[in-house]
Amino acid sequence: MPIIYRLDAPAREVARAMGAEAGDDPWPGGSVSGGGFAPVVTMGREFVAGPRPEKRLPRRMVPRLWGVPPPPAAFDQRRHGILTVRNLESPFWIGNLRNSEFRCLVPATAFMEWGKASPTDGKRRQNWFGAADQPIFAMAAVWKDSEVPSFALLTCQANAALRAEGRDTMPVILPPEAHDLWLRGDWKRAAQLVLPYSSSLMTLRTAS
């Protein structure tokens, strides 16, 4: 599960890559950790109730908090909200997943996963994974509005590159041609996008 990712591009550049309107998003570029705000791309209907209009609305980029507040009955002392969606059948998430208006894209340039301990010094290294075919890529996510406007990333089984570093899961990275399906498609089709990204299309940079 990623606990930090980077989006090393300003808001307007990110919006162009995602086919969205940047609006007044102040994002200058940098890192995002749990409990921090970051640009999120939606289909633009957060504040529109009722049936979906016939006219297609433009994608919209807005700041949201990474970490959805847990259910009120849950005993939770974490410093941030729920960062990832692991169980697609969970009652807490299923309504957001089935309703395409609550699905969103989270732009990134790399995400970090801790690697295995080094055999020489026993220390774990930071592994930064990116998409070789997408300088700015989109991770699949859902948004909720409760106490705060927030989002959580979807995860799936790790690909070979992440398994080699001892990871079991990874964020769902979407190819550009799948962005519209994730934002607007029915859940039966959109759920088929919850797959590990090809290892051959990923980059890896290791930092101490």
N, C-alpha and C. Protein backbone atom coordinates (compact mmCIF):
# COMPACT_ATOMS: atom_id res chain seq x y z
N MET A 1 0.84 -1.19 0.00
CA MET A 1 0.00 0.00 0.00
C MET A 1 0.87 1.23 0.00
N PRO A 2 0.71 2.15 -0.96
CA PRO A 2 1.52 3.36 -0.96
C PRO A 2 1.12 4.28 0.20
N ILE A 3 2.12 4.88 0.83
CA ILE A 3 1.85 5.84 1.90
C ILE A 3 2.27 7.25 1.48
N ILE A 4 2.90 7.35 0.34
CA ILE A 4 3.29 8.65 -0.19
C ILE A 4 3.44 8.52 -1.71
N TYR A 5 3.10 9.59 -2.42
CA TYR A 5 3.34 9.62 -3.86
C TYR A 5 3.75 11.02 -4.25
N ARG A 6 4.22 11.17 -5.47
CA ARG A 6 4.66 12.48 -5.96
C ARG A 6 3.85 12.88 -7.19
N LEU A 7 3.66 14.18 -7.32
CA LEU A 7 3.05 14.76 -8.52
C LEU A 7 3.89 15.98 -8.86
N ASP A 8 4.96 15.73 -9.61
CA ASP A 8 5.95 16.77 -9.89
C ASP A 8 5.59 17.56 -11.14
N ALA A 9 4.48 18.24 -11.09
CA ALA A 9 4.02 19.11 -12.17
C ALA A 9 3.00 20.08 -11.59
N PRO A 10 2.94 21.32 -12.09
CA PRO A 10 1.95 22.27 -11.59
C PRO A 10 0.55 21.94 -12.08
N ALA A 11 -0.44 22.57 -11.46
CA ALA A 11 -1.84 22.24 -11.71
C ALA A 11 -2.22 22.29 -13.18
N ARG A 12 -1.84 23.34 -13.89
CA ARG A 12 -2.29 23.47 -15.28
C ARG A 12 -1.68 22.39 -16.18
N GLU A 13 -0.43 22.01 -15.91
CA GLU A 13 0.17 20.93 -16.68
C GLU A 13 -0.52 19.60 -16.39
N VAL A 14 -0.85 19.37 -15.11
CA VAL A 14 -1.56 18.15 -14.73
C VAL A 14 -2.92 18.10 -15.40
N ALA A 15 -3.63 19.23 -15.38
CA ALA A 15 -4.96 19.29 -15.98
C ALA A 15 -4.91 18.98 -17.48
N ARG A 16 -3.92 19.51 -18.16
CA ARG A 16 -3.79 19.21 -19.60
C ARG A 16 -3.58 17.72 -19.83
N ALA A 17 -2.75 17.10 -19.00
CA ALA A 17 -2.47 15.67 -19.16
C ALA A 17 -3.71 14.83 -18.89
N MET A 18 -4.58 15.30 -18.01
CA MET A 18 -5.78 14.56 -17.62
C MET A 18 -7.01 14.98 -18.41
N GLY A 19 -6.87 15.93 -19.33
CA GLY A 19 -8.02 16.40 -20.10
C GLY A 19 -9.06 17.09 -19.24
N ALA A 20 -8.60 17.85 -18.24
CA ALA A 20 -9.51 18.47 -17.27
C ALA A 20 -9.32 19.97 -17.22
N GLU A 21 -10.26 20.64 -16.57
CA GLU A 21 -10.16 22.06 -16.30
C GLU A 21 -9.51 22.25 -14.93
N ALA A 22 -8.43 23.02 -14.88
CA ALA A 22 -7.70 23.21 -13.62
C ALA A 22 -8.42 24.13 -12.66
N GLY A 23 -9.22 25.06 -13.19
CA GLY A 23 -9.92 26.00 -12.32
C GLY A 23 -8.93 26.79 -11.48
N ASP A 24 -9.18 26.88 -10.18
CA ASP A 24 -8.30 27.63 -9.27
C ASP A 24 -7.41 26.71 -8.44
N ASP A 25 -7.20 25.49 -8.89
CA ASP A 25 -6.37 24.56 -8.12
C ASP A 25 -4.97 25.16 -7.96
N PRO A 26 -4.48 25.30 -6.71
CA PRO A 26 -3.19 25.98 -6.48
C PRO A 26 -1.98 25.04 -6.51
N TRP A 27 -2.15 23.77 -6.88
CA TRP A 27 -1.07 22.80 -6.77
C TRP A 27 0.20 23.26 -7.52
N PRO A 28 1.36 23.36 -6.80
CA PRO A 28 2.61 23.78 -7.45
C PRO A 28 3.50 22.62 -7.89
N GLY A 29 3.16 21.39 -7.43
CA GLY A 29 4.01 20.23 -7.65
C GLY A 29 4.68 19.82 -6.35
N GLY A 30 4.86 18.51 -6.15
CA GLY A 30 5.52 18.04 -4.94
C GLY A 30 5.00 16.69 -4.50
N SER A 31 5.21 16.37 -3.22
CA SER A 31 4.83 15.07 -2.68
C SER A 31 3.51 15.15 -1.94
N VAL A 32 2.85 13.99 -1.82
CA VAL A 32 1.56 13.88 -1.13
C VAL A 32 1.65 12.71 -0.16
N SER A 33 1.28 12.93 1.08
CA SER A 33 1.22 11.85 2.05
C SER A 33 -0.18 11.81 2.66
N GLY A 34 -0.48 10.74 3.39
CA GLY A 34 -1.80 10.60 3.98
C GLY A 34 -2.16 11.80 4.85
N GLY A 35 -3.37 12.31 4.66
CA GLY A 35 -3.81 13.48 5.39
C GLY A 35 -3.48 14.79 4.71
N GLY A 36 -2.91 14.72 3.51
CA GLY A 36 -2.58 15.93 2.76
C GLY A 36 -3.51 16.13 1.57
N PHE A 37 -3.61 17.37 1.12
CA PHE A 37 -4.46 17.69 -0.03
C PHE A 37 -3.68 17.50 -1.33
N ALA A 38 -4.40 17.08 -2.38
CA ALA A 38 -3.80 16.85 -3.69
C ALA A 38 -4.86 17.02 -4.77
N PRO A 39 -4.45 17.28 -6.02
CA PRO A 39 -5.41 17.40 -7.12
C PRO A 39 -6.08 16.07 -7.42
N VAL A 40 -7.40 16.13 -7.64
CA VAL A 40 -8.20 14.96 -7.99
C VAL A 40 -9.09 15.34 -9.16
N VAL A 41 -9.20 14.46 -10.14
CA VAL A 41 -10.00 14.73 -11.34
C VAL A 41 -11.31 13.95 -11.26
N THR A 42 -12.42 14.67 -11.40
CA THR A 42 -13.75 14.06 -11.38
C THR A 42 -14.47 14.37 -12.68
N MET A 43 -15.65 13.80 -12.84
CA MET A 43 -16.43 14.08 -14.05
C MET A 43 -17.26 15.36 -13.89
N GLY A 44 -17.05 16.09 -12.80
CA GLY A 44 -17.61 17.42 -12.67
C GLY A 44 -19.00 17.52 -12.11
N ARG A 45 -19.48 16.48 -11.37
CA ARG A 45 -20.86 16.52 -10.88
C ARG A 45 -20.96 16.45 -9.35
N GLU A 46 -19.92 16.90 -8.66
CA GLU A 46 -19.97 16.82 -7.20
C GLU A 46 -21.15 17.57 -6.60
N PHE A 47 -21.52 18.67 -7.24
CA PHE A 47 -22.54 19.53 -6.65
C PHE A 47 -23.84 19.51 -7.44
N VAL A 48 -24.01 18.48 -8.28
CA VAL A 48 -25.21 18.40 -9.11
C VAL A 48 -26.03 17.20 -8.67
N ALA A 49 -27.24 17.43 -8.19
CA ALA A 49 -28.12 16.33 -7.77
C ALA A 49 -29.07 15.96 -8.90
N GLY A 50 -29.63 14.75 -8.82
CA GLY A 50 -30.63 14.33 -9.79
C GLY A 50 -30.04 13.56 -10.95
N PRO A 51 -30.85 13.29 -11.98
CA PRO A 51 -30.40 12.48 -13.13
C PRO A 51 -29.23 13.14 -13.84
N ARG A 52 -28.43 12.31 -14.45
CA ARG A 52 -27.29 12.82 -15.20
C ARG A 52 -27.77 13.61 -16.43
N PRO A 53 -27.24 14.80 -16.65
CA PRO A 53 -27.69 15.60 -17.80
C PRO A 53 -27.24 14.99 -19.12
N GLU A 54 -27.98 15.28 -20.17
CA GLU A 54 -27.63 14.76 -21.48
C GLU A 54 -26.31 15.35 -21.97
N LYS A 55 -26.06 16.61 -21.62
CA LYS A 55 -24.81 17.26 -22.02
C LYS A 55 -23.67 16.74 -21.18
N ARG A 56 -22.59 16.34 -21.81
CA ARG A 56 -21.42 15.83 -21.09
C ARG A 56 -20.66 16.99 -20.46
N LEU A 57 -20.46 16.92 -19.16
CA LEU A 57 -19.72 17.96 -18.46
C LEU A 57 -18.21 17.73 -18.60
N PRO A 58 -17.42 18.79 -18.62
CA PRO A 58 -15.97 18.60 -18.71
C PRO A 58 -15.41 18.04 -17.40
N ARG A 59 -14.31 17.33 -17.52
CA ARG A 59 -13.64 16.87 -16.31
C ARG A 59 -13.18 18.07 -15.49
N ARG A 60 -13.17 17.88 -14.20
CA ARG A 60 -12.88 18.98 -13.29
C ARG A 60 -11.80 18.55 -12.30
N MET A 61 -10.81 19.40 -12.08
CA MET A 61 -9.74 19.08 -11.15
C MET A 61 -9.89 19.96 -9.90
N VAL A 62 -9.94 19.31 -8.74
CA VAL A 62 -10.14 20.02 -7.48
C VAL A 62 -9.24 19.42 -6.41
N PRO A 63 -8.86 20.20 -5.38
CA PRO A 63 -8.07 19.64 -4.28
C PRO A 63 -8.96 18.80 -3.35
N ARG A 64 -8.46 17.64 -2.96
CA ARG A 64 -9.14 16.80 -1.98
C ARG A 64 -8.11 16.20 -1.03
N LEU A 65 -8.60 15.80 0.14
CA LEU A 65 -7.75 15.24 1.17
C LEU A 65 -7.56 13.74 0.94
N TRP A 66 -6.30 13.29 0.99
CA TRP A 66 -6.04 11.85 0.85
C TRP A 66 -6.28 11.17 2.19
N GLY A 67 -7.39 10.43 2.27
CA GLY A 67 -7.75 9.73 3.49
C GLY A 67 -9.21 9.99 3.85
N VAL A 68 -10.06 9.00 3.59
CA VAL A 68 -11.50 9.12 3.87
C VAL A 68 -11.75 8.83 5.35
N PRO A 69 -12.47 9.69 6.06
CA PRO A 69 -12.78 9.40 7.47
C PRO A 69 -13.49 8.06 7.60
N PRO A 70 -13.12 7.23 8.58
CA PRO A 70 -13.75 5.92 8.74
C PRO A 70 -15.19 6.05 9.21
N PRO A 71 -15.98 4.96 9.14
CA PRO A 71 -17.36 5.00 9.62
C PRO A 71 -17.41 5.43 11.09
N PRO A 72 -18.46 6.15 11.50
CA PRO A 72 -18.54 6.64 12.88
C PRO A 72 -18.41 5.55 13.93
N ALA A 73 -18.90 4.35 13.62
CA ALA A 73 -18.87 3.27 14.61
C ALA A 73 -17.50 2.61 14.72
N ALA A 74 -16.60 2.91 13.77
CA ALA A 74 -15.30 2.25 13.77
C ALA A 74 -14.38 2.88 14.81
N PHE A 75 -13.69 2.03 15.55
CA PHE A 75 -12.70 2.51 16.51
C PHE A 75 -11.39 2.66 15.76
N ASP A 76 -10.95 3.89 15.56
CA ASP A 76 -9.80 4.13 14.70
C ASP A 76 -8.98 5.28 15.26
N GLN A 77 -7.71 5.02 15.54
CA GLN A 77 -6.85 6.05 16.11
C GLN A 77 -5.74 6.47 15.15
N ARG A 78 -5.88 6.12 13.87
CA ARG A 78 -4.84 6.50 12.91
C ARG A 78 -4.80 8.02 12.74
N ARG A 79 -3.65 8.50 12.31
CA ARG A 79 -3.45 9.95 12.16
C ARG A 79 -4.18 10.50 10.93
N HIS A 80 -4.48 9.63 10.00
CA HIS A 80 -5.17 10.05 8.79
C HIS A 80 -6.35 9.13 8.56
N GLY A 81 -7.13 9.40 7.52
CA GLY A 81 -8.28 8.56 7.22
C GLY A 81 -7.87 7.28 6.49
N ILE A 82 -8.85 6.65 5.87
CA ILE A 82 -8.60 5.41 5.12
C ILE A 82 -8.00 5.77 3.77
N LEU A 83 -6.78 5.32 3.52
CA LEU A 83 -6.05 5.73 2.32
C LEU A 83 -6.40 4.91 1.09
N THR A 84 -6.78 3.64 1.28
CA THR A 84 -6.99 2.77 0.13
C THR A 84 -8.27 1.94 0.24
N VAL A 85 -8.77 1.56 -0.91
CA VAL A 85 -9.92 0.66 -1.03
C VAL A 85 -9.37 -0.71 -1.42
N ARG A 86 -9.49 -1.68 -0.52
CA ARG A 86 -8.98 -3.02 -0.79
C ARG A 86 -10.10 -4.00 -1.14
N ASN A 87 -11.21 -3.89 -0.42
CA ASN A 87 -12.34 -4.81 -0.61
C ASN A 87 -13.41 -4.11 -1.45
N LEU A 88 -13.55 -4.52 -2.70
CA LEU A 88 -14.49 -3.87 -3.61
C LEU A 88 -15.94 -4.16 -3.25
N GLU A 89 -16.19 -5.15 -2.40
CA GLU A 89 -17.55 -5.49 -2.00
C GLU A 89 -17.91 -4.90 -0.63
N SER A 90 -17.03 -4.14 -0.05
CA SER A 90 -17.30 -3.56 1.27
C SER A 90 -18.50 -2.63 1.21
N PRO A 91 -19.44 -2.74 2.16
CA PRO A 91 -20.60 -1.83 2.18
C PRO A 91 -20.20 -0.37 2.30
N PHE A 92 -19.02 -0.13 2.86
CA PHE A 92 -18.55 1.26 3.02
C PHE A 92 -18.20 1.89 1.67
N TRP A 93 -17.80 1.06 0.69
CA TRP A 93 -17.33 1.58 -0.59
C TRP A 93 -18.26 1.28 -1.77
N ILE A 94 -19.08 0.25 -1.67
CA ILE A 94 -19.76 -0.25 -2.86
C ILE A 94 -20.66 0.80 -3.52
N GLY A 95 -21.32 1.64 -2.72
CA GLY A 95 -22.16 2.67 -3.32
C GLY A 95 -21.36 3.66 -4.15
N ASN A 96 -20.19 4.03 -3.67
CA ASN A 96 -19.34 4.95 -4.42
C ASN A 96 -18.78 4.30 -5.68
N LEU A 97 -18.47 3.03 -5.60
CA LEU A 97 -17.92 2.35 -6.76
C LEU A 97 -18.97 2.13 -7.84
N ARG A 98 -20.17 1.76 -7.44
CA ARG A 98 -21.23 1.51 -8.42
C ARG A 98 -21.72 2.79 -9.08
N ASN A 99 -21.67 3.89 -8.38
CA ASN A 99 -22.10 5.17 -8.92
C ASN A 99 -20.88 5.88 -9.50
N SER A 100 -20.81 5.96 -10.82
CA SER A 100 -19.61 6.48 -11.49
C SER A 100 -19.27 7.91 -11.10
N GLU A 101 -20.24 8.68 -10.65
CA GLU A 101 -19.97 10.07 -10.29
C GLU A 101 -19.03 10.19 -9.10
N PHE A 102 -18.90 9.11 -8.32
CA PHE A 102 -18.02 9.13 -7.16
C PHE A 102 -16.65 8.53 -7.46
N ARG A 103 -16.44 8.08 -8.69
CA ARG A 103 -15.11 7.62 -9.06
C ARG A 103 -14.28 8.80 -9.55
N CYS A 104 -12.98 8.72 -9.34
CA CYS A 104 -12.13 9.84 -9.73
C CYS A 104 -10.75 9.34 -10.14
N LEU A 105 -9.98 10.24 -10.73
CA LEU A 105 -8.60 9.98 -11.12
C LEU A 105 -7.68 10.77 -10.20
N VAL A 106 -6.61 10.15 -9.74
CA VAL A 106 -5.62 10.83 -8.91
C VAL A 106 -4.32 10.88 -9.70
N PRO A 107 -3.93 12.05 -10.20
CA PRO A 107 -2.70 12.15 -11.00
C PRO A 107 -1.46 11.97 -10.13
N ALA A 108 -0.43 11.38 -10.71
CA ALA A 108 0.83 11.17 -10.00
C ALA A 108 1.96 11.03 -11.02
N THR A 109 3.18 11.25 -10.55
CA THR A 109 4.36 10.99 -11.37
C THR A 109 5.16 9.81 -10.82
N ALA A 110 4.95 9.45 -9.56
CA ALA A 110 5.59 8.27 -8.95
C ALA A 110 4.93 7.98 -7.61
N PHE A 111 4.99 6.73 -7.17
CA PHE A 111 4.52 6.38 -5.84
C PHE A 111 5.60 5.57 -5.14
N MET A 112 5.62 5.67 -3.82
CA MET A 112 6.68 5.02 -3.05
C MET A 112 6.18 3.78 -2.32
N GLU A 113 6.99 2.73 -2.38
CA GLU A 113 6.77 1.52 -1.60
C GLU A 113 8.10 1.13 -0.96
N TRP A 114 8.07 0.72 0.29
CA TRP A 114 9.29 0.27 0.94
C TRP A 114 9.75 -1.05 0.35
N GLY A 115 11.04 -1.16 0.07
CA GLY A 115 11.60 -2.39 -0.46
C GLY A 115 12.05 -3.33 0.64
N LYS A 116 12.61 -4.45 0.25
CA LYS A 116 13.12 -5.42 1.20
C LYS A 116 14.34 -4.85 1.92
N ALA A 117 14.62 -5.40 3.09
CA ALA A 117 15.80 -4.98 3.85
C ALA A 117 17.07 -5.36 3.09
N SER A 118 18.03 -4.44 3.07
CA SER A 118 19.29 -4.69 2.38
C SER A 118 20.09 -5.78 3.11
N PRO A 119 20.66 -6.75 2.38
CA PRO A 119 21.45 -7.80 3.04
C PRO A 119 22.76 -7.28 3.64
N THR A 120 23.18 -6.07 3.22
CA THR A 120 24.46 -5.53 3.72
C THR A 120 24.30 -4.73 5.01
N ASP A 121 23.29 -3.87 5.07
CA ASP A 121 23.14 -3.04 6.28
C ASP A 121 21.80 -3.24 6.98
N GLY A 122 20.91 -4.09 6.42
CA GLY A 122 19.63 -4.36 7.06
C GLY A 122 18.60 -3.26 6.91
N LYS A 123 18.93 -2.18 6.20
CA LYS A 123 18.01 -1.05 6.05
C LYS A 123 17.10 -1.28 4.84
N ARG A 124 15.91 -0.72 4.95
CA ARG A 124 14.97 -0.78 3.84
C ARG A 124 15.09 0.50 3.01
N ARG A 125 14.99 0.35 1.72
CA ARG A 125 15.11 1.48 0.81
C ARG A 125 13.74 1.92 0.30
N GLN A 126 13.65 3.19 -0.06
CA GLN A 126 12.44 3.70 -0.70
C GLN A 126 12.49 3.37 -2.18
N ASN A 127 11.48 2.67 -2.67
CA ASN A 127 11.36 2.37 -4.09
C ASN A 127 10.29 3.27 -4.69
N TRP A 128 10.71 4.08 -5.65
CA TRP A 128 9.78 4.99 -6.33
C TRP A 128 9.44 4.42 -7.70
N PHE A 129 8.17 4.07 -7.86
CA PHE A 129 7.70 3.47 -9.10
C PHE A 129 6.97 4.51 -9.94
N GLY A 130 7.26 4.53 -11.23
CA GLY A 130 6.57 5.40 -12.17
C GLY A 130 6.10 4.60 -13.37
N ALA A 131 5.42 5.27 -14.28
CA ALA A 131 4.93 4.63 -15.51
C ALA A 131 5.77 5.13 -16.67
N ALA A 132 6.52 4.23 -17.31
CA ALA A 132 7.44 4.63 -18.38
C ALA A 132 6.70 5.24 -19.55
N ASP A 133 5.46 4.82 -19.79
CA ASP A 133 4.71 5.31 -20.94
C ASP A 133 3.84 6.52 -20.61
N GLN A 134 3.83 6.96 -19.34
CA GLN A 134 3.01 8.10 -18.92
C GLN A 134 3.79 8.94 -17.90
N PRO A 135 4.36 10.08 -18.30
CA PRO A 135 5.07 10.93 -17.34
C PRO A 135 4.17 11.36 -16.19
N ILE A 136 2.89 11.64 -16.50
CA ILE A 136 1.87 11.88 -15.48
C ILE A 136 0.80 10.82 -15.68
N PHE A 137 0.64 9.92 -14.71
CA PHE A 137 -0.33 8.84 -14.84
C PHE A 137 -1.48 9.03 -13.85
N ALA A 138 -2.54 8.29 -14.06
CA ALA A 138 -3.73 8.40 -13.20
C ALA A 138 -3.92 7.12 -12.41
N MET A 139 -4.13 7.27 -11.09
CA MET A 139 -4.49 6.14 -10.24
C MET A 139 -6.00 6.16 -10.02
N ALA A 140 -6.61 5.00 -10.06
CA ALA A 140 -8.06 4.90 -9.86
C ALA A 140 -8.39 5.16 -8.39
N ALA A 141 -9.46 5.93 -8.15
CA ALA A 141 -9.83 6.29 -6.79
C ALA A 141 -11.33 6.56 -6.71
N VAL A 142 -11.81 6.73 -5.49
CA VAL A 142 -13.19 7.17 -5.24
C VAL A 142 -13.13 8.34 -4.27
N TRP A 143 -14.15 9.19 -4.33
CA TRP A 143 -14.22 10.32 -3.40
C TRP A 143 -15.46 10.23 -2.54
N LYS A 144 -15.37 10.83 -1.38
CA LYS A 144 -16.50 10.93 -0.46
C LYS A 144 -16.51 12.34 0.13
N ASP A 145 -17.69 12.82 0.46
CA ASP A 145 -17.84 14.07 1.19
C ASP A 145 -18.54 13.77 2.50
N SER A 146 -17.80 13.80 3.57
CA SER A 146 -18.38 13.64 4.90
C SER A 146 -17.95 14.84 5.72
N GLU A 147 -16.99 14.66 6.63
CA GLU A 147 -16.47 15.82 7.34
C GLU A 147 -15.64 16.72 6.42
N VAL A 148 -14.94 16.09 5.48
CA VAL A 148 -14.06 16.82 4.57
C VAL A 148 -14.19 16.22 3.17
N PRO A 149 -13.85 16.99 2.12
CA PRO A 149 -13.83 16.42 0.76
C PRO A 149 -12.59 15.55 0.62
N SER A 150 -12.77 14.23 0.54
CA SER A 150 -11.63 13.32 0.62
C SER A 150 -11.67 12.28 -0.50
N PHE A 151 -10.59 11.49 -0.58
CA PHE A 151 -10.53 10.42 -1.58
C PHE A 151 -9.70 9.27 -1.03
N ALA A 152 -9.86 8.09 -1.65
CA ALA A 152 -9.06 6.91 -1.32
C ALA A 152 -8.68 6.22 -2.62
N LEU A 153 -7.46 5.69 -2.68
CA LEU A 153 -6.97 4.99 -3.86
C LEU A 153 -7.42 3.53 -3.87
N LEU A 154 -7.68 3.00 -5.05
CA LEU A 154 -7.95 1.57 -5.17
C LEU A 154 -6.63 0.81 -5.27
N THR A 155 -6.58 -0.36 -4.65
CA THR A 155 -5.40 -1.21 -4.79
C THR A 155 -5.80 -2.54 -5.42
N CYS A 156 -4.79 -3.23 -5.94
CA CYS A 156 -4.99 -4.54 -6.55
C CYS A 156 -3.77 -5.39 -6.23
N GLN A 157 -3.74 -6.61 -6.72
CA GLN A 157 -2.57 -7.45 -6.53
C GLN A 157 -1.35 -6.81 -7.16
N ALA A 158 -0.20 -6.96 -6.53
CA ALA A 158 1.03 -6.39 -7.04
C ALA A 158 1.47 -7.09 -8.33
N ASN A 159 2.12 -6.34 -9.22
CA ASN A 159 2.70 -6.96 -10.40
C ASN A 159 4.06 -7.55 -10.04
N ALA A 160 4.75 -8.12 -11.01
CA ALA A 160 6.02 -8.80 -10.74
C ALA A 160 7.07 -7.85 -10.18
N ALA A 161 7.08 -6.60 -10.68
CA ALA A 161 8.08 -5.63 -10.22
C ALA A 161 7.92 -5.32 -8.74
N LEU A 162 6.69 -5.19 -8.27
CA LEU A 162 6.47 -4.91 -6.85
C LEU A 162 6.61 -6.16 -5.99
N ARG A 163 6.20 -7.31 -6.52
CA ARG A 163 6.38 -8.56 -5.76
C ARG A 163 7.85 -8.83 -5.51
N ALA A 164 8.70 -8.46 -6.47
CA ALA A 164 10.14 -8.65 -6.31
C ALA A 164 10.69 -7.84 -5.14
N GLU A 165 9.98 -6.79 -4.76
CA GLU A 165 10.37 -5.95 -3.62
C GLU A 165 9.59 -6.29 -2.36
N GLY A 166 8.88 -7.41 -2.40
CA GLY A 166 8.19 -7.87 -1.21
C GLY A 166 6.81 -7.28 -0.98
N ARG A 167 6.22 -6.66 -2.01
CA ARG A 167 4.91 -6.04 -1.86
C ARG A 167 3.81 -6.97 -2.37
N ASP A 168 2.67 -6.95 -1.71
CA ASP A 168 1.53 -7.79 -2.10
C ASP A 168 0.50 -7.02 -2.92
N THR A 169 0.44 -5.72 -2.75
CA THR A 169 -0.55 -4.90 -3.44
C THR A 169 0.12 -3.70 -4.09
N MET A 170 -0.64 -3.02 -4.94
CA MET A 170 -0.17 -1.80 -5.60
C MET A 170 -1.39 -0.96 -5.97
N PRO A 171 -1.20 0.34 -6.19
CA PRO A 171 -2.33 1.15 -6.65
C PRO A 171 -2.73 0.77 -8.06
N VAL A 172 -3.99 0.96 -8.38
CA VAL A 172 -4.49 0.68 -9.72
C VAL A 172 -4.13 1.83 -10.64
N ILE A 173 -3.23 1.59 -11.58
CA ILE A 173 -2.82 2.60 -12.55
C ILE A 173 -3.63 2.38 -13.83
N LEU A 174 -4.23 3.45 -14.32
CA LEU A 174 -5.10 3.34 -15.50
C LEU A 174 -4.38 3.80 -16.76
N PRO A 175 -4.47 3.07 -17.86
CA PRO A 175 -3.98 3.59 -19.13
C PRO A 175 -4.86 4.75 -19.58
N PRO A 176 -4.33 5.69 -20.35
CA PRO A 176 -5.12 6.87 -20.75
C PRO A 176 -6.45 6.53 -21.39
N GLU A 177 -6.48 5.48 -22.19
CA GLU A 177 -7.72 5.13 -22.89
C GLU A 177 -8.80 4.60 -21.95
N ALA A 178 -8.44 4.32 -20.69
CA ALA A 178 -9.41 3.81 -19.73
C ALA A 178 -9.94 4.89 -18.79
N HIS A 179 -9.42 6.11 -18.89
CA HIS A 179 -9.85 7.17 -17.97
C HIS A 179 -11.35 7.42 -18.05
N ASP A 180 -11.87 7.52 -19.25
CA ASP A 180 -13.29 7.84 -19.41
C ASP A 180 -14.17 6.72 -18.90
N LEU A 181 -13.76 5.48 -19.12
CA LEU A 181 -14.54 4.34 -18.62
C LEU A 181 -14.59 4.37 -17.10
N TRP A 182 -13.48 4.69 -16.46
CA TRP A 182 -13.48 4.74 -14.99
C TRP A 182 -14.38 5.85 -14.48
N LEU A 183 -14.38 6.98 -15.15
CA LEU A 183 -15.17 8.12 -14.68
C LEU A 183 -16.65 8.03 -15.04
N ARG A 184 -16.99 7.33 -16.11
CA ARG A 184 -18.37 7.39 -16.60
C ARG A 184 -19.03 6.03 -16.83
N GLY A 185 -18.26 4.96 -16.87
CA GLY A 185 -18.81 3.66 -17.22
C GLY A 185 -19.57 2.98 -16.10
N ASP A 186 -20.36 1.95 -16.46
CA ASP A 186 -21.06 1.18 -15.43
C ASP A 186 -20.04 0.35 -14.66
N TRP A 187 -20.42 -0.04 -13.44
CA TRP A 187 -19.46 -0.68 -12.55
C TRP A 187 -18.99 -2.03 -13.07
N LYS A 188 -19.85 -2.78 -13.75
CA LYS A 188 -19.44 -4.09 -14.25
C LYS A 188 -18.23 -3.97 -15.18
N ARG A 189 -18.25 -2.95 -16.04
CA ARG A 189 -17.14 -2.74 -16.97
C ARG A 189 -15.96 -2.07 -16.27
N ALA A 190 -16.24 -1.09 -15.41
CA ALA A 190 -15.16 -0.37 -14.74
C ALA A 190 -14.38 -1.28 -13.80
N ALA A 191 -15.06 -2.25 -13.18
CA ALA A 191 -14.38 -3.15 -12.25
C ALA A 191 -13.30 -3.98 -12.94
N GLN A 192 -13.43 -4.17 -14.26
CA GLN A 192 -12.44 -4.94 -15.00
C GLN A 192 -11.11 -4.20 -15.13
N LEU A 193 -11.11 -2.90 -14.78
CA LEU A 193 -9.88 -2.11 -14.84
C LEU A 193 -9.03 -2.27 -13.59
N VAL A 194 -9.58 -2.92 -12.57
CA VAL A 194 -8.85 -3.10 -11.30
C VAL A 194 -7.88 -4.26 -11.48
N LEU A 195 -6.75 -3.96 -12.13
CA LEU A 195 -5.74 -4.95 -12.47
C LEU A 195 -4.35 -4.37 -12.23
N PRO A 196 -3.35 -5.22 -11.99
CA PRO A 196 -1.98 -4.71 -11.86
C PRO A 196 -1.47 -4.15 -13.18
N TYR A 197 -0.74 -3.05 -13.11
CA TYR A 197 -0.14 -2.46 -14.31
C TYR A 197 1.04 -3.31 -14.74
N SER A 198 1.29 -3.36 -16.02
CA SER A 198 2.36 -4.21 -16.55
C SER A 198 3.73 -3.79 -15.99
N SER A 199 4.48 -4.76 -15.51
CA SER A 199 5.83 -4.48 -15.00
C SER A 199 6.72 -3.88 -16.07
N SER A 200 6.53 -4.29 -17.32
CA SER A 200 7.37 -3.81 -18.42
C SER A 200 7.16 -2.33 -18.71
N LEU A 201 6.06 -1.77 -18.19
CA LEU A 201 5.76 -0.36 -18.43
C LEU A 201 6.07 0.51 -17.20
N MET A 202 6.79 -0.05 -16.24
CA MET A 202 7.07 0.69 -15.01
C MET A 202 8.55 1.01 -14.88
N THR A 203 8.84 2.13 -14.23
CA THR A 203 10.19 2.52 -13.90
C THR A 203 10.41 2.37 -12.40
N LEU A 204 11.64 2.22 -11.98
CA LEU A 204 11.96 2.08 -10.56
C LEU A 204 13.20 2.90 -10.23
N ARG A 205 13.07 3.75 -9.23
CA ARG A 205 14.20 4.50 -8.71
C ARG A 205 14.31 4.23 -7.21
N THR A 206 15.47 3.82 -6.76
CA THR A 206 15.66 3.47 -5.36
C THR A 206 16.41 4.58 -4.64
N ALA A 207 15.91 4.95 -3.45
CA ALA A 207 16.54 5.99 -2.63
C ALA A 207 16.75 5.47 -1.24
N SER A 208 17.80 5.93 -0.58
CA SER A 208 18.08 5.50 0.79
C SER A 208 17.20 6.25 1.76
